[in-house]
């Protein structure tokens, strides 16, 4: 088990959820850097398993930054001048980096999706 595998575990666990949703076999041990595909996947199934982490982390990132924007407006309305932000505001700001980090772990998945969508199947 490597540290990079543990950092990617939330991303890979969403792949595991995708495989379970489509009822396909996979091999994954907590801490592995990748989910190994056991059953062959059709093109739509492959797109789904690649896109689910990107969609999940993308939505969570949008929600987090929307919450931060609302918190900023709320905080600025409460403070007319420059003041030290409260702890809750700093926590929300720090939280925003977590889904953003995991959305960025979907970079390779994104390019695989682009490749699958732009190239014809060769079966």
N, C-alpha and C. Protein backbone atom coordinates (compact mmCIF):
# COMPACT_ATOMS: atom_id res chain seq x y z
N UNK A 1 0.85 -1.17 0.00
CA UNK A 1 0.00 0.00 0.00
C UNK A 1 0.90 1.24 0.00
N UNK A 2 0.71 2.11 -0.98
CA UNK A 2 1.53 3.30 -1.10
C UNK A 2 0.74 4.54 -0.69
N UNK A 3 1.48 5.59 -0.37
CA UNK A 3 0.82 6.84 0.03
C UNK A 3 -0.02 7.41 -1.11
N UNK A 4 0.47 7.31 -2.36
CA UNK A 4 -0.30 7.86 -3.48
C UNK A 4 -1.60 7.08 -3.66
N UNK A 5 -1.60 5.78 -3.36
CA UNK A 5 -2.83 5.01 -3.43
C UNK A 5 -3.84 5.45 -2.39
N UNK A 6 -3.36 5.78 -1.20
CA UNK A 6 -4.26 6.26 -0.15
C UNK A 6 -4.83 7.63 -0.49
N UNK A 7 -4.02 8.48 -1.10
CA UNK A 7 -4.52 9.81 -1.49
C UNK A 7 -5.61 9.69 -2.56
N UNK A 8 -5.49 8.68 -3.40
CA UNK A 8 -6.46 8.50 -4.48
C UNK A 8 -7.64 7.63 -4.08
N UNK A 9 -7.66 7.10 -2.87
CA UNK A 9 -8.70 6.17 -2.45
C UNK A 9 -10.12 6.72 -2.65
N UNK A 10 -10.43 7.96 -2.26
CA UNK A 10 -11.81 8.45 -2.49
C UNK A 10 -12.18 8.45 -3.97
N UNK A 11 -11.25 8.80 -4.83
CA UNK A 11 -11.49 8.80 -6.27
C UNK A 11 -11.76 7.36 -6.75
N UNK A 12 -10.92 6.44 -6.34
CA UNK A 12 -11.06 5.05 -6.77
C UNK A 12 -12.31 4.40 -6.20
N UNK A 13 -12.71 4.79 -5.00
CA UNK A 13 -13.93 4.22 -4.41
C UNK A 13 -15.17 4.63 -5.19
N UNK A 14 -15.13 5.79 -5.83
CA UNK A 14 -16.25 6.19 -6.69
C UNK A 14 -16.26 5.31 -7.95
N UNK A 15 -15.09 4.95 -8.46
CA UNK A 15 -15.04 3.98 -9.55
C UNK A 15 -15.65 2.65 -9.11
N UNK A 16 -15.35 2.23 -7.89
CA UNK A 16 -15.91 0.98 -7.35
C UNK A 16 -17.44 1.07 -7.31
N UNK A 17 -17.97 2.20 -6.87
CA UNK A 17 -19.42 2.40 -6.85
C UNK A 17 -19.98 2.28 -8.26
N UNK A 18 -19.30 2.86 -9.25
CA UNK A 18 -19.76 2.78 -10.64
C UNK A 18 -19.80 1.33 -11.10
N UNK A 19 -18.77 0.55 -10.78
CA UNK A 19 -18.76 -0.86 -11.17
C UNK A 19 -19.89 -1.62 -10.49
N UNK A 20 -20.17 -1.30 -9.25
CA UNK A 20 -21.27 -1.98 -8.55
C UNK A 20 -22.62 -1.60 -9.13
N UNK A 21 -22.77 -0.35 -9.55
CA UNK A 21 -24.04 0.09 -10.14
C UNK A 21 -24.35 -0.63 -11.45
N UNK A 22 -23.31 -0.91 -12.24
CA UNK A 22 -23.53 -1.60 -13.52
C UNK A 22 -23.35 -3.12 -13.38
N UNK A 23 -23.09 -3.58 -12.15
CA UNK A 23 -22.96 -5.01 -11.85
C UNK A 23 -21.87 -5.69 -12.67
N UNK A 24 -20.70 -5.05 -12.71
CA UNK A 24 -19.54 -5.64 -13.38
C UNK A 24 -18.48 -5.95 -12.34
N UNK A 25 -17.71 -7.00 -12.60
CA UNK A 25 -16.67 -7.40 -11.66
C UNK A 25 -15.44 -6.50 -11.80
N UNK A 26 -14.80 -6.27 -10.69
CA UNK A 26 -13.60 -5.43 -10.63
C UNK A 26 -12.71 -5.99 -9.53
N UNK A 27 -11.50 -5.49 -9.49
CA UNK A 27 -10.59 -5.88 -8.41
C UNK A 27 -9.97 -4.60 -7.84
N UNK A 28 -10.18 -4.42 -6.55
CA UNK A 28 -9.63 -3.24 -5.89
C UNK A 28 -9.40 -3.56 -4.43
N UNK A 29 -8.25 -3.22 -3.94
CA UNK A 29 -7.92 -3.33 -2.52
C UNK A 29 -7.62 -1.93 -2.03
N UNK A 30 -8.17 -1.58 -0.88
CA UNK A 30 -8.02 -0.22 -0.37
C UNK A 30 -6.54 0.18 -0.36
N UNK A 31 -6.25 1.30 -0.99
CA UNK A 31 -4.89 1.79 -1.09
C UNK A 31 -4.26 1.57 -2.45
N UNK A 32 -4.89 0.72 -3.29
CA UNK A 32 -4.39 0.54 -4.65
C UNK A 32 -4.55 1.84 -5.43
N UNK A 33 -3.68 2.04 -6.38
CA UNK A 33 -3.74 3.27 -7.18
C UNK A 33 -4.80 3.20 -8.27
N UNK A 34 -5.27 2.01 -8.60
CA UNK A 34 -6.26 1.86 -9.68
C UNK A 34 -7.22 0.71 -9.36
N UNK A 35 -8.39 0.81 -9.98
CA UNK A 35 -9.35 -0.29 -9.96
C UNK A 35 -9.06 -1.13 -11.20
N UNK A 36 -8.87 -2.42 -11.02
CA UNK A 36 -8.59 -3.30 -12.16
C UNK A 36 -9.91 -3.86 -12.68
N UNK A 37 -10.11 -3.75 -13.99
CA UNK A 37 -11.33 -4.22 -14.63
C UNK A 37 -11.19 -5.72 -14.86
N UNK A 38 -12.18 -6.49 -14.38
CA UNK A 38 -12.17 -7.94 -14.56
C UNK A 38 -13.06 -8.31 -15.74
N UNK A 39 -14.29 -7.82 -15.77
CA UNK A 39 -15.21 -8.09 -16.87
C UNK A 39 -15.00 -7.07 -17.98
N UNK A 40 -15.16 -7.48 -19.24
CA UNK A 40 -15.07 -6.50 -20.33
C UNK A 40 -16.25 -5.53 -20.24
N UNK A 41 -15.99 -4.28 -20.60
CA UNK A 41 -17.02 -3.24 -20.53
C UNK A 41 -17.38 -2.78 -21.93
N UNK A 42 -18.66 -2.47 -22.13
CA UNK A 42 -19.07 -1.83 -23.37
C UNK A 42 -18.64 -0.37 -23.32
N UNK A 43 -18.72 0.29 -24.45
CA UNK A 43 -18.32 1.70 -24.49
C UNK A 43 -19.13 2.57 -23.53
N UNK A 44 -20.48 2.45 -23.49
CA UNK A 44 -21.24 3.25 -22.52
C UNK A 44 -20.88 2.93 -21.07
N UNK A 45 -20.63 1.66 -20.77
CA UNK A 45 -20.24 1.29 -19.41
C UNK A 45 -18.88 1.90 -19.06
N UNK A 46 -17.97 1.88 -19.99
CA UNK A 46 -16.64 2.47 -19.76
C UNK A 46 -16.76 3.98 -19.54
N UNK A 47 -17.59 4.63 -20.36
CA UNK A 47 -17.80 6.07 -20.18
C UNK A 47 -18.40 6.37 -18.81
N UNK A 48 -19.36 5.55 -18.39
CA UNK A 48 -19.99 5.76 -17.08
C UNK A 48 -18.98 5.59 -15.95
N UNK A 49 -18.18 4.52 -15.99
CA UNK A 49 -17.23 4.29 -14.91
C UNK A 49 -16.14 5.36 -14.87
N UNK A 50 -15.81 5.93 -16.01
CA UNK A 50 -14.83 7.02 -16.04
C UNK A 50 -15.45 8.35 -15.60
N UNK A 51 -16.70 8.58 -15.96
CA UNK A 51 -17.32 9.88 -15.72
C UNK A 51 -17.86 10.06 -14.31
N UNK A 52 -18.22 8.98 -13.63
CA UNK A 52 -18.85 9.12 -12.32
C UNK A 52 -17.98 9.89 -11.32
N UNK A 53 -16.67 9.60 -11.17
CA UNK A 53 -15.86 10.40 -10.25
C UNK A 53 -15.77 11.87 -10.68
N UNK A 54 -15.63 12.11 -11.98
CA UNK A 54 -15.54 13.48 -12.48
C UNK A 54 -16.82 14.26 -12.18
N UNK A 55 -17.96 13.64 -12.41
CA UNK A 55 -19.24 14.29 -12.14
C UNK A 55 -19.41 14.52 -10.63
N UNK A 56 -19.11 13.49 -9.84
CA UNK A 56 -19.27 13.59 -8.39
C UNK A 56 -18.41 14.70 -7.81
N UNK A 57 -17.12 14.67 -8.10
CA UNK A 57 -16.22 15.69 -7.55
C UNK A 57 -16.49 17.06 -8.16
N UNK A 58 -16.93 17.10 -9.43
CA UNK A 58 -17.26 18.39 -10.05
C UNK A 58 -18.45 19.04 -9.37
N UNK A 59 -19.49 18.26 -9.10
CA UNK A 59 -20.68 18.79 -8.41
C UNK A 59 -20.31 19.23 -6.99
N UNK A 60 -19.52 18.42 -6.30
CA UNK A 60 -19.12 18.79 -4.94
C UNK A 60 -18.27 20.06 -4.93
N UNK A 61 -17.43 20.24 -5.94
CA UNK A 61 -16.62 21.45 -6.05
C UNK A 61 -17.51 22.67 -6.27
N UNK A 62 -18.47 22.55 -7.19
CA UNK A 62 -19.39 23.67 -7.45
C UNK A 62 -20.19 24.02 -6.20
N UNK A 63 -20.69 23.01 -5.50
CA UNK A 63 -21.44 23.26 -4.26
C UNK A 63 -20.56 23.94 -3.22
N UNK A 64 -19.33 23.47 -3.07
CA UNK A 64 -18.41 24.04 -2.07
C UNK A 64 -18.10 25.50 -2.37
N UNK A 65 -17.79 25.80 -3.63
CA UNK A 65 -17.46 27.19 -3.96
C UNK A 65 -18.69 28.09 -3.95
N UNK A 66 -19.86 27.53 -4.23
CA UNK A 66 -21.09 28.31 -4.09
C UNK A 66 -21.32 28.66 -2.63
N UNK A 67 -21.12 27.68 -1.75
CA UNK A 67 -21.23 27.92 -0.31
C UNK A 67 -20.23 28.98 0.14
N UNK A 68 -19.01 28.91 -0.39
CA UNK A 68 -18.00 29.92 -0.05
C UNK A 68 -18.43 31.31 -0.54
N UNK A 69 -19.00 31.39 -1.73
CA UNK A 69 -19.46 32.68 -2.25
C UNK A 69 -20.59 33.25 -1.39
N UNK A 70 -21.53 32.40 -1.00
CA UNK A 70 -22.63 32.85 -0.13
C UNK A 70 -22.08 33.28 1.23
N UNK A 71 -21.12 32.52 1.76
CA UNK A 71 -20.51 32.88 3.03
C UNK A 71 -19.75 34.20 2.93
N UNK A 72 -19.13 34.44 1.79
CA UNK A 72 -18.40 35.70 1.59
C UNK A 72 -19.37 36.88 1.59
N UNK A 73 -20.47 36.74 0.86
CA UNK A 73 -21.47 37.81 0.83
C UNK A 73 -22.03 38.04 2.24
N UNK A 74 -22.36 36.97 2.94
CA UNK A 74 -22.88 37.06 4.30
C UNK A 74 -21.87 37.77 5.21
N UNK A 75 -20.61 37.35 5.14
CA UNK A 75 -19.58 37.93 6.00
C UNK A 75 -19.34 39.41 5.66
N UNK A 76 -19.31 39.75 4.36
CA UNK A 76 -19.08 41.14 3.97
C UNK A 76 -20.24 42.04 4.38
N UNK A 77 -21.46 41.53 4.37
CA UNK A 77 -22.61 42.33 4.81
C UNK A 77 -22.57 42.58 6.32
N UNK A 78 -22.01 41.64 7.06
CA UNK A 78 -21.92 41.79 8.51
C UNK A 78 -20.79 42.74 8.91
N UNK A 79 -19.76 42.83 8.11
CA UNK A 79 -18.58 43.65 8.42
C UNK A 79 -18.40 44.71 7.36
N UNK A 80 -18.59 45.95 7.74
CA UNK A 80 -18.47 47.03 6.76
C UNK A 80 -17.01 47.35 6.44
N UNK A 81 -16.11 47.08 7.37
CA UNK A 81 -14.70 47.36 7.14
C UNK A 81 -13.89 46.08 7.04
N UNK A 82 -12.60 46.24 6.95
CA UNK A 82 -11.71 45.09 6.89
C UNK A 82 -11.59 44.51 8.30
N UNK A 83 -11.85 43.22 8.41
CA UNK A 83 -11.78 42.56 9.71
C UNK A 83 -11.23 41.16 9.51
N UNK A 84 -10.80 40.56 10.57
CA UNK A 84 -10.32 39.20 10.51
C UNK A 84 -11.52 38.27 10.30
N UNK A 85 -11.46 37.39 9.31
CA UNK A 85 -12.61 36.51 9.09
C UNK A 85 -12.78 35.53 10.25
N UNK A 86 -14.02 35.14 10.52
CA UNK A 86 -14.27 34.19 11.60
C UNK A 86 -13.79 32.79 11.21
N UNK A 87 -13.68 31.93 12.19
CA UNK A 87 -13.17 30.57 11.98
C UNK A 87 -14.03 29.78 11.00
N UNK A 88 -15.37 29.93 11.10
CA UNK A 88 -16.25 29.17 10.22
C UNK A 88 -16.00 29.52 8.76
N UNK A 89 -15.67 30.78 8.48
CA UNK A 89 -15.39 31.20 7.12
C UNK A 89 -14.08 30.57 6.62
N UNK A 90 -13.08 30.52 7.48
CA UNK A 90 -11.80 29.90 7.11
C UNK A 90 -11.96 28.40 6.89
N UNK A 91 -12.82 27.76 7.68
CA UNK A 91 -13.07 26.32 7.52
C UNK A 91 -13.74 26.05 6.17
N UNK A 92 -14.71 26.86 5.81
CA UNK A 92 -15.38 26.70 4.51
C UNK A 92 -14.37 26.90 3.38
N UNK A 93 -13.53 27.91 3.51
CA UNK A 93 -12.51 28.15 2.49
C UNK A 93 -11.54 27.00 2.35
N UNK A 94 -11.12 26.44 3.47
CA UNK A 94 -10.20 25.29 3.43
C UNK A 94 -10.90 24.06 2.86
N UNK A 95 -12.17 23.87 3.20
CA UNK A 95 -12.93 22.72 2.72
C UNK A 95 -13.02 22.71 1.19
N UNK A 96 -13.07 23.88 0.59
CA UNK A 96 -13.21 23.96 -0.87
C UNK A 96 -12.06 23.29 -1.61
N UNK A 97 -10.91 23.21 -1.01
CA UNK A 97 -9.77 22.62 -1.69
C UNK A 97 -9.85 21.09 -1.76
N UNK A 98 -10.61 20.47 -0.87
CA UNK A 98 -10.70 19.00 -0.86
C UNK A 98 -11.41 18.49 -2.13
N UNK A 99 -12.64 18.92 -2.44
CA UNK A 99 -13.25 18.42 -3.68
C UNK A 99 -12.52 18.91 -4.92
N UNK A 100 -11.91 20.09 -4.86
CA UNK A 100 -11.15 20.58 -6.00
C UNK A 100 -9.96 19.66 -6.27
N UNK A 101 -9.25 19.25 -5.21
CA UNK A 101 -8.12 18.33 -5.36
C UNK A 101 -8.57 17.04 -6.01
N UNK A 102 -9.68 16.47 -5.52
CA UNK A 102 -10.13 15.20 -6.07
C UNK A 102 -10.73 15.34 -7.46
N UNK A 103 -11.27 16.52 -7.78
CA UNK A 103 -11.71 16.73 -9.15
C UNK A 103 -10.49 16.75 -10.08
N UNK A 104 -9.39 17.30 -9.61
CA UNK A 104 -8.17 17.32 -10.43
C UNK A 104 -7.57 15.92 -10.59
N UNK A 105 -7.88 14.99 -9.67
CA UNK A 105 -7.41 13.62 -9.85
C UNK A 105 -8.14 12.92 -10.99
N UNK A 106 -9.19 13.54 -11.51
CA UNK A 106 -9.95 12.97 -12.62
C UNK A 106 -9.39 13.37 -13.98
N UNK A 107 -8.25 14.03 -14.00
CA UNK A 107 -7.67 14.54 -15.24
C UNK A 107 -7.46 13.43 -16.27
N UNK A 108 -6.86 12.31 -15.86
CA UNK A 108 -6.63 11.20 -16.78
C UNK A 108 -7.95 10.60 -17.25
N UNK A 109 -8.92 10.50 -16.34
CA UNK A 109 -10.24 9.99 -16.72
C UNK A 109 -10.90 10.90 -17.76
N UNK A 110 -10.75 12.20 -17.58
CA UNK A 110 -11.32 13.16 -18.52
C UNK A 110 -10.76 12.94 -19.92
N UNK A 111 -9.45 12.75 -20.05
CA UNK A 111 -8.85 12.57 -21.37
C UNK A 111 -9.22 11.21 -21.96
N UNK A 112 -9.43 10.20 -21.13
CA UNK A 112 -9.91 8.91 -21.64
C UNK A 112 -11.34 9.04 -22.16
N UNK A 113 -12.15 9.84 -21.47
CA UNK A 113 -13.52 10.09 -21.93
C UNK A 113 -13.49 10.80 -23.28
N UNK A 114 -12.66 11.83 -23.40
CA UNK A 114 -12.53 12.56 -24.67
C UNK A 114 -12.11 11.61 -25.78
N UNK A 115 -11.13 10.75 -25.49
CA UNK A 115 -10.66 9.81 -26.50
C UNK A 115 -11.77 8.85 -26.90
N UNK A 116 -12.51 8.32 -25.92
CA UNK A 116 -13.61 7.40 -26.23
C UNK A 116 -14.70 8.07 -27.06
N UNK A 117 -14.96 9.34 -26.81
CA UNK A 117 -16.01 10.05 -27.54
C UNK A 117 -15.58 10.47 -28.94
N UNK A 118 -14.30 10.63 -29.16
CA UNK A 118 -13.82 11.12 -30.46
C UNK A 118 -13.32 10.02 -31.39
N UNK A 119 -13.15 8.80 -30.89
CA UNK A 119 -12.68 7.69 -31.72
C UNK A 119 -13.75 6.62 -31.82
N UNK A 120 -13.82 6.03 -32.98
CA UNK A 120 -14.79 4.97 -33.19
C UNK A 120 -14.29 3.67 -32.57
N UNK A 121 -15.27 2.83 -32.17
CA UNK A 121 -14.90 1.52 -31.62
C UNK A 121 -14.31 0.66 -32.72
N UNK A 122 -13.32 -0.13 -32.35
CA UNK A 122 -12.68 -1.01 -33.32
C UNK A 122 -12.81 -2.46 -32.85
N UNK A 123 -14.04 -2.94 -32.75
CA UNK A 123 -14.27 -4.34 -32.31
C UNK A 123 -14.48 -5.22 -33.52
